[in-house]
């Protein structure tokens, strides 16, 4: 039988964090994340009771969507 904690470490969909941890990963301030939540802008978030959580997989997806590919002639 596998350990649930080890499964969480392997699957970014199961790893969640608060806005301070999320802000450190994506480089936005917690205040900016709060404003983006209010405006219903990415990154996606979870509301569990009164707590706000961000999935690591959603933060990765947000960063991927922000990527700009340079044009090469």
PDB file of N, CA and C in Angstrom:
ATOM      1  N   UNK A   1       0.852  -1.182   0.000  1.00  0.00           N
ATOM      2  CA  UNK A   1       0.000   0.000   0.000  1.00  0.00           C
ATOM      3  C   UNK A   1       0.892   1.238   0.000  1.00  0.00           C
ATOM      4  N   UNK A   2       0.561   2.208  -0.835  1.00  0.00           N
ATOM      5  CA  UNK A   2       1.400   3.401  -0.951  1.00  0.00           C
ATOM      6  C   UNK A   2       1.014   4.438   0.103  1.00  0.00           C
ATOM      7  N   UNK A   3       1.962   5.263   0.424  1.00  0.00           N
ATOM      8  CA  UNK A   3       1.793   6.315   1.415  1.00  0.00           C
ATOM      9  C   UNK A   3       1.151   7.535   0.751  1.00  0.00           C
ATOM     10  N   UNK A   4       0.031   8.075   1.285  1.00  0.00           N
ATOM     11  CA  UNK A   4      -0.611   9.250   0.677  1.00  0.00           C
ATOM     12  C   UNK A   4       0.314  10.460   0.579  1.00  0.00           C
ATOM     13  N   UNK A   5       1.209  10.623   1.534  1.00  0.00           N
ATOM     14  CA  UNK A   5       2.130  11.753   1.499  1.00  0.00           C
ATOM     15  C   UNK A   5       3.078  11.638   0.317  1.00  0.00           C
ATOM     16  N   UNK A   6       3.571  10.447   0.045  1.00  0.00           N
ATOM     17  CA  UNK A   6       4.476  10.275  -1.091  1.00  0.00           C
ATOM     18  C   UNK A   6       3.739  10.475  -2.408  1.00  0.00           C
ATOM     19  N   UNK A   7       2.461  10.113  -2.462  1.00  0.00           N
ATOM     20  CA  UNK A   7       1.661  10.358  -3.671  1.00  0.00           C
ATOM     21  C   UNK A   7       1.510  11.853  -3.903  1.00  0.00           C
ATOM     22  N   UNK A   8       1.302  12.630  -2.835  1.00  0.00           N
ATOM     23  CA  UNK A   8       1.157  14.075  -2.976  1.00  0.00           C
ATOM     24  C   UNK A   8       2.434  14.694  -3.510  1.00  0.00           C
ATOM     25  N   UNK A   9       3.584  14.187  -3.080  1.00  0.00           N
ATOM     26  CA  UNK A   9       4.842  14.737  -3.541  1.00  0.00           C
ATOM     27  C   UNK A   9       5.070  14.437  -5.014  1.00  0.00           C
ATOM     28  N   UNK A  10       4.458  13.401  -5.533  1.00  0.00           N
ATOM     29  CA  UNK A  10       4.650  13.012  -6.920  1.00  0.00           C
ATOM     30  C   UNK A  10       3.657  13.677  -7.859  1.00  0.00           C
ATOM     31  N   UNK A  11       2.477  13.985  -7.410  1.00  0.00           N
ATOM     32  CA  UNK A  11       1.422  14.505  -8.274  1.00  0.00           C
ATOM     33  C   UNK A  11       1.163  15.985  -7.984  1.00  0.00           C
ATOM     34  N   UNK A  12       1.551  16.899  -8.916  1.00  0.00           N
ATOM     35  CA  UNK A  12       1.345  18.333  -8.660  1.00  0.00           C
ATOM     36  C   UNK A  12      -0.125  18.730  -8.547  1.00  0.00           C
ATOM     37  N   UNK A  13      -1.051  17.873  -9.022  1.00  0.00           N
ATOM     38  CA  UNK A  13      -2.477  18.192  -8.886  1.00  0.00           C
ATOM     39  C   UNK A  13      -2.938  18.077  -7.442  1.00  0.00           C
ATOM     40  N   UNK A  14      -2.198  17.301  -6.644  1.00  0.00           N
ATOM     41  CA  UNK A  14      -2.581  17.103  -5.249  1.00  0.00           C
ATOM     42  C   UNK A  14      -1.866  18.048  -4.295  1.00  0.00           C
ATOM     43  N   UNK A  15      -0.826  18.720  -4.765  1.00  0.00           N
ATOM     44  CA  UNK A  15      -0.059  19.625  -3.911  1.00  0.00           C
ATOM     45  C   UNK A  15      -0.713  21.001  -3.942  1.00  0.00           C
ATOM     46  N   UNK A  16      -1.103  21.495  -2.769  1.00  0.00           N
ATOM     47  CA  UNK A  16      -1.707  22.826  -2.689  1.00  0.00           C
ATOM     48  C   UNK A  16      -0.892  23.696  -1.752  1.00  0.00           C
ATOM     49  N   UNK A  17      -1.067  25.001  -1.915  1.00  0.00           N
ATOM     50  CA  UNK A  17      -0.338  25.955  -1.081  1.00  0.00           C
ATOM     51  C   UNK A  17      -1.175  27.212  -0.893  1.00  0.00           C
ATOM     52  N   UNK A  18      -0.787  28.005   0.102  1.00  0.00           N
ATOM     53  CA  UNK A  18      -1.500  29.257   0.353  1.00  0.00           C
ATOM     54  C   UNK A  18      -0.990  30.345  -0.593  1.00  0.00           C
ATOM     55  N   UNK A  19      -1.579  31.533  -0.495  1.00  0.00           N
ATOM     56  CA  UNK A  19      -1.231  32.598  -1.447  1.00  0.00           C
ATOM     57  C   UNK A  19       0.203  33.101  -1.274  1.00  0.00           C
ATOM     58  N   UNK A  20       0.741  33.017  -0.082  1.00  0.00           N
ATOM     59  CA  UNK A  20       2.119  33.473   0.123  1.00  0.00           C
ATOM     60  C   UNK A  20       3.111  32.522  -0.554  1.00  0.00           C
ATOM     61  N   UNK A  21       2.855  31.232  -0.431  1.00  0.00           N
ATOM     62  CA  UNK A  21       3.710  30.255  -1.099  1.00  0.00           C
ATOM     63  C   UNK A  21       3.555  30.363  -2.614  1.00  0.00           C
ATOM     64  N   UNK A  22       2.313  30.519  -3.070  1.00  0.00           N
ATOM     65  CA  UNK A  22       2.049  30.640  -4.504  1.00  0.00           C
ATOM     66  C   UNK A  22       2.705  31.885  -5.075  1.00  0.00           C
ATOM     67  N   UNK A  23       2.662  32.979  -4.335  1.00  0.00           N
ATOM     68  CA  UNK A  23       3.255  34.221  -4.833  1.00  0.00           C
ATOM     69  C   UNK A  23       4.766  34.081  -5.005  1.00  0.00           C
ATOM     70  N   UNK A  24       5.396  33.312  -4.136  1.00  0.00           N
ATOM     71  CA  UNK A  24       6.839  33.087  -4.254  1.00  0.00           C
ATOM     72  C   UNK A  24       7.171  32.276  -5.508  1.00  0.00           C
ATOM     73  N   UNK A  25       6.294  31.389  -5.898  1.00  0.00           N
ATOM     74  CA  UNK A  25       6.547  30.555  -7.078  1.00  0.00           C
ATOM     75  C   UNK A  25       6.350  31.340  -8.363  1.00  0.00           C
ATOM     76  N   UNK A  26       5.272  32.132  -8.440  1.00  0.00           N
ATOM     77  CA  UNK A  26       4.975  32.789  -9.720  1.00  0.00           C
ATOM     78  C   UNK A  26       5.447  34.234  -9.798  1.00  0.00           C
ATOM     79  N   UNK A  27       5.953  34.773  -8.699  1.00  0.00           N
ATOM     80  CA  UNK A  27       6.539  36.105  -8.754  1.00  0.00           C
ATOM     81  C   UNK A  27       5.554  37.253  -8.691  1.00  0.00           C
ATOM     82  N   UNK A  28       4.361  37.013  -8.195  1.00  0.00           N
ATOM     83  CA  UNK A  28       3.381  38.077  -7.967  1.00  0.00           C
ATOM     84  C   UNK A  28       3.224  38.251  -6.462  1.00  0.00           C
ATOM     85  N   UNK A  29       2.860  39.448  -6.037  1.00  0.00           N
ATOM     86  CA  UNK A  29       2.653  39.666  -4.608  1.00  0.00           C
ATOM     87  C   UNK A  29       1.339  39.016  -4.167  1.00  0.00           C
ATOM     88  N   UNK A  30       1.209  38.698  -2.877  1.00  0.00           N
ATOM     89  CA  UNK A  30      -0.068  38.178  -2.389  1.00  0.00           C
ATOM     90  C   UNK A  30      -1.219  39.143  -2.676  1.00  0.00           C
ATOM     91  N   UNK A  31      -0.967  40.438  -2.590  1.00  0.00           N
ATOM     92  CA  UNK A  31      -2.012  41.443  -2.874  1.00  0.00           C
ATOM     93  C   UNK A  31      -2.468  41.350  -4.325  1.00  0.00           C
ATOM     94  N   UNK A  32      -1.520  41.145  -5.244  1.00  0.00           N
ATOM     95  CA  UNK A  32      -1.877  40.989  -6.656  1.00  0.00           C
ATOM     96  C   UNK A  32      -2.710  39.721  -6.858  1.00  0.00           C
ATOM     97  N   UNK A  33      -2.342  38.638  -6.188  1.00  0.00           N
ATOM     98  CA  UNK A  33      -3.139  37.409  -6.285  1.00  0.00           C
ATOM     99  C   UNK A  33      -4.557  37.647  -5.757  1.00  0.00           C
ATOM    100  N   UNK A  34      -4.673  38.403  -4.662  1.00  0.00           N
ATOM    101  CA  UNK A  34      -5.994  38.720  -4.122  1.00  0.00           C
ATOM    102  C   UNK A  34      -6.817  39.497  -5.139  1.00  0.00           C
ATOM    103  N   UNK A  35      -6.209  40.481  -5.781  1.00  0.00           N
ATOM    104  CA  UNK A  35      -6.912  41.280  -6.776  1.00  0.00           C
ATOM    105  C   UNK A  35      -7.308  40.423  -7.981  1.00  0.00           C
ATOM    106  N   UNK A  36      -6.431  39.561  -8.423  1.00  0.00           N
ATOM    107  CA  UNK A  36      -6.726  38.694  -9.561  1.00  0.00           C
ATOM    108  C   UNK A  36      -7.871  37.733  -9.226  1.00  0.00           C
ATOM    109  N   UNK A  37      -7.916  37.243  -7.979  1.00  0.00           N
ATOM    110  CA  UNK A  37      -9.048  36.387  -7.577  1.00  0.00           C
ATOM    111  C   UNK A  37     -10.348  37.170  -7.643  1.00  0.00           C
ATOM    112  N   UNK A  38     -10.327  38.396  -7.140  1.00  0.00           N
ATOM    113  CA  UNK A  38     -11.516  39.249  -7.149  1.00  0.00           C
ATOM    114  C   UNK A  38     -12.004  39.492  -8.578  1.00  0.00           C
ATOM    115  N   UNK A  39     -11.058  39.679  -9.494  1.00  0.00           N
ATOM    116  CA  UNK A  39     -11.396  39.943 -10.897  1.00  0.00           C
ATOM    117  C   UNK A  39     -11.638  38.655 -11.695  1.00  0.00           C
ATOM    118  N   UNK A  40     -11.531  37.506 -11.028  1.00  0.00           N
ATOM    119  CA  UNK A  40     -11.708  36.187 -11.662  1.00  0.00           C
ATOM    120  C   UNK A  40     -10.696  35.968 -12.783  1.00  0.00           C
ATOM    121  N   UNK A  41      -9.459  36.370 -12.555  1.00  0.00           N
ATOM    122  CA  UNK A  41      -8.377  36.188 -13.515  1.00  0.00           C
ATOM    123  C   UNK A  41      -7.483  35.042 -13.046  1.00  0.00           C
ATOM    124  N   UNK A  42      -6.755  34.433 -13.993  1.00  0.00           N
ATOM    125  CA  UNK A  42      -5.845  33.351 -13.604  1.00  0.00           C
ATOM    126  C   UNK A  42      -4.742  33.879 -12.690  1.00  0.00           C
ATOM    127  N   UNK A  43      -4.144  33.011 -11.929  1.00  0.00           N
ATOM    128  CA  UNK A  43      -4.224  31.554 -11.939  1.00  0.00           C
ATOM    129  C   UNK A  43      -5.462  31.047 -11.187  1.00  0.00           C
ATOM    130  N   UNK A  44      -5.866  29.834 -11.558  1.00  0.00           N
ATOM    131  CA  UNK A  44      -7.011  29.197 -10.901  1.00  0.00           C
ATOM    132  C   UNK A  44      -6.690  28.963  -9.428  1.00  0.00           C
ATOM    133  N   UNK A  45      -7.727  28.953  -8.604  1.00  0.00           N
ATOM    134  CA  UNK A  45      -7.547  28.740  -7.167  1.00  0.00           C
ATOM    135  C   UNK A  45      -8.677  27.887  -6.630  1.00  0.00           C
ATOM    136  N   UNK A  46      -8.476  27.364  -5.444  1.00  0.00           N
ATOM    137  CA  UNK A  46      -9.489  26.580  -4.747  1.00  0.00           C
ATOM    138  C   UNK A  46      -9.945  27.356  -3.528  1.00  0.00           C
ATOM    139  N   UNK A  47     -11.217  27.253  -3.220  1.00  0.00           N
ATOM    140  CA  UNK A  47     -11.725  27.830  -1.983  1.00  0.00           C
ATOM    141  C   UNK A  47     -12.258  26.668  -1.157  1.00  0.00           C
ATOM    142  N   UNK A  48     -11.537  26.352  -0.103  1.00  0.00           N
ATOM    143  CA  UNK A  48     -11.889  25.239   0.776  1.00  0.00           C
ATOM    144  C   UNK A  48     -12.357  25.848   2.083  1.00  0.00           C
ATOM    145  N   UNK A  49     -13.677  25.896   2.252  1.00  0.00           N
ATOM    146  CA  UNK A  49     -14.219  26.621   3.399  1.00  0.00           C
ATOM    147  C   UNK A  49     -13.895  28.088   3.224  1.00  0.00           C
ATOM    148  N   UNK A  50     -13.160  28.654   4.165  1.00  0.00           N
ATOM    149  CA  UNK A  50     -12.754  30.061   4.064  1.00  0.00           C
ATOM    150  C   UNK A  50     -11.311  30.213   3.581  1.00  0.00           C
ATOM    151  N   UNK A  51     -10.658  29.086   3.350  1.00  0.00           N
ATOM    152  CA  UNK A  51      -9.250  29.131   2.962  1.00  0.00           C
ATOM    153  C   UNK A  51      -9.091  29.149   1.448  1.00  0.00           C
ATOM    154  N   UNK A  52      -8.117  29.893   0.982  1.00  0.00           N
ATOM    155  CA  UNK A  52      -7.764  29.953  -0.438  1.00  0.00           C
ATOM    156  C   UNK A  52      -6.511  29.120  -0.629  1.00  0.00           C
ATOM    157  N   UNK A  53      -6.554  28.226  -1.590  1.00  0.00           N
ATOM    158  CA  UNK A  53      -5.421  27.354  -1.891  1.00  0.00           C
ATOM    159  C   UNK A  53      -5.158  27.382  -3.392  1.00  0.00           C
ATOM    160  N   UNK A  54      -3.917  27.182  -3.760  1.00  0.00           N
ATOM    161  CA  UNK A  54      -3.513  27.097  -5.163  1.00  0.00           C
ATOM    162  C   UNK A  54      -2.884  25.732  -5.393  1.00  0.00           C
ATOM    163  N   UNK A  55      -3.312  25.059  -6.477  1.00  0.00           N
ATOM    164  CA  UNK A  55      -2.679  23.801  -6.856  1.00  0.00           C
ATOM    165  C   UNK A  55      -1.387  24.113  -7.593  1.00  0.00           C
ATOM    166  N   UNK A  56      -0.363  23.343  -7.310  1.00  0.00           N
ATOM    167  CA  UNK A  56       0.915  23.521  -7.979  1.00  0.00           C
ATOM    168  C   UNK A  56       0.751  23.355  -9.485  1.00  0.00           C
ATOM    169  N   UNK A  57      -0.077  22.421  -9.910  1.00  0.00           N
ATOM    170  CA  UNK A  57      -0.299  22.204 -11.346  1.00  0.00           C
ATOM    171  C   UNK A  57      -0.939  23.428 -11.998  1.00  0.00           C
ATOM    172  N   UNK A  58      -1.828  24.125 -11.292  1.00  0.00           N
ATOM    173  CA  UNK A  58      -2.447  25.340 -11.834  1.00  0.00           C
ATOM    174  C   UNK A  58      -1.434  26.473 -11.945  1.00  0.00           C
ATOM    175  N   UNK A  59      -0.507  26.551 -11.007  1.00  0.00           N
ATOM    176  CA  UNK A  59       0.531  27.581 -11.073  1.00  0.00           C
ATOM    177  C   UNK A  59       1.460  27.314 -12.251  1.00  0.00           C
ATOM    178  N   UNK A  60       1.816  26.043 -12.465  1.00  0.00           N
ATOM    179  CA  UNK A  60       2.638  25.691 -13.630  1.00  0.00           C
ATOM    180  C   UNK A  60       1.908  26.030 -14.930  1.00  0.00           C
ATOM    181  N   UNK A  61       0.615  25.735 -14.977  1.00  0.00           N
ATOM    182  CA  UNK A  61      -0.172  26.029 -16.182  1.00  0.00           C
ATOM    183  C   UNK A  61      -0.234  27.535 -16.432  1.00  0.00           C
ATOM    184  N   UNK A  62      -0.385  28.310 -15.364  1.00  0.00           N
ATOM    185  CA  UNK A  62      -0.407  29.768 -15.495  1.00  0.00           C
ATOM    186  C   UNK A  62       0.918  30.280 -16.053  1.00  0.00           C
ATOM    187  N   UNK A  63       2.017  29.782 -15.515  1.00  0.00           N
ATOM    188  CA  UNK A  63       3.328  30.204 -16.001  1.00  0.00           C
ATOM    189  C   UNK A  63       3.538  29.793 -17.460  1.00  0.00           C
ATOM    190  N   UNK A  64       3.081  28.604 -17.830  1.00  0.00           N
ATOM    191  CA  UNK A  64       3.186  28.178 -19.229  1.00  0.00           C
ATOM    192  C   UNK A  64       2.378  29.092 -20.144  1.00  0.00           C
ATOM    193  N   UNK A  65       1.200  29.524 -19.675  1.00  0.00           N
ATOM    194  CA  UNK A  65       0.356  30.408 -20.495  1.00  0.00           C
ATOM    195  C   UNK A  65       0.974  31.800 -20.638  1.00  0.00           C
ATOM    196  N   UNK A  66       1.851  32.171 -19.731  1.00  0.00           N
ATOM    197  CA  UNK A  66       2.499  33.489 -19.791  1.00  0.00           C
ATOM    198  C   UNK A  66       3.740  33.483 -20.685  1.00  0.00           C
ATOM    199  N   UNK A  67       4.129  32.332 -21.155  1.00  0.00           N
ATOM    200  CA  UNK A  67       5.348  32.243 -21.966  1.00  0.00           C
ATOM    201  C   UNK A  67       5.161  32.962 -23.297  1.00  0.00           C
ATOM    202  N   UNK A  68       6.176  33.690 -23.685  1.00  0.00           N
ATOM    203  CA  UNK A  68       6.178  34.403 -24.959  1.00  0.00           C
ATOM    204  C   UNK A  68       7.268  33.767 -25.824  1.00  0.00           C
ATOM    205  N   UNK A  69       6.862  33.300 -26.994  1.00  0.00           N
ATOM    206  CA  UNK A  69       7.815  32.696 -27.916  1.00  0.00           C
ATOM    207  C   UNK A  69       8.314  33.764 -28.866  1.00  0.00           C
ATOM    208  N   UNK A  70       9.622  33.973 -28.921  1.00  0.00           N
ATOM    209  CA  UNK A  70      10.150  34.998 -29.828  1.00  0.00           C
ATOM    210  C   UNK A  70      10.003  34.566 -31.287  1.00  0.00           C
ATOM    211  N   UNK A  71       9.737  35.547 -32.121  1.00  0.00           N
ATOM    212  CA  UNK A  71       9.641  35.277 -33.566  1.00  0.00           C
ATOM    213  C   UNK A  71      11.045  35.135 -34.125  1.00  0.00           C
ATOM    214  N   UNK A  72      11.220  34.140 -34.941  1.00  0.00           N
ATOM    215  CA  UNK A  72      12.528  33.939 -35.592  1.00  0.00           C
ATOM    216  C   UNK A  72      12.324  34.089 -37.102  1.00  0.00           C
ATOM    217  N   UNK A  73      13.040  35.022 -37.713  1.00  0.00           N
ATOM    218  CA  UNK A  73      12.883  35.206 -39.168  1.00  0.00           C
ATOM    219  C   UNK A  73      13.488  34.077 -39.966  1.00  0.00           C
TER     220      UNK A  73
END
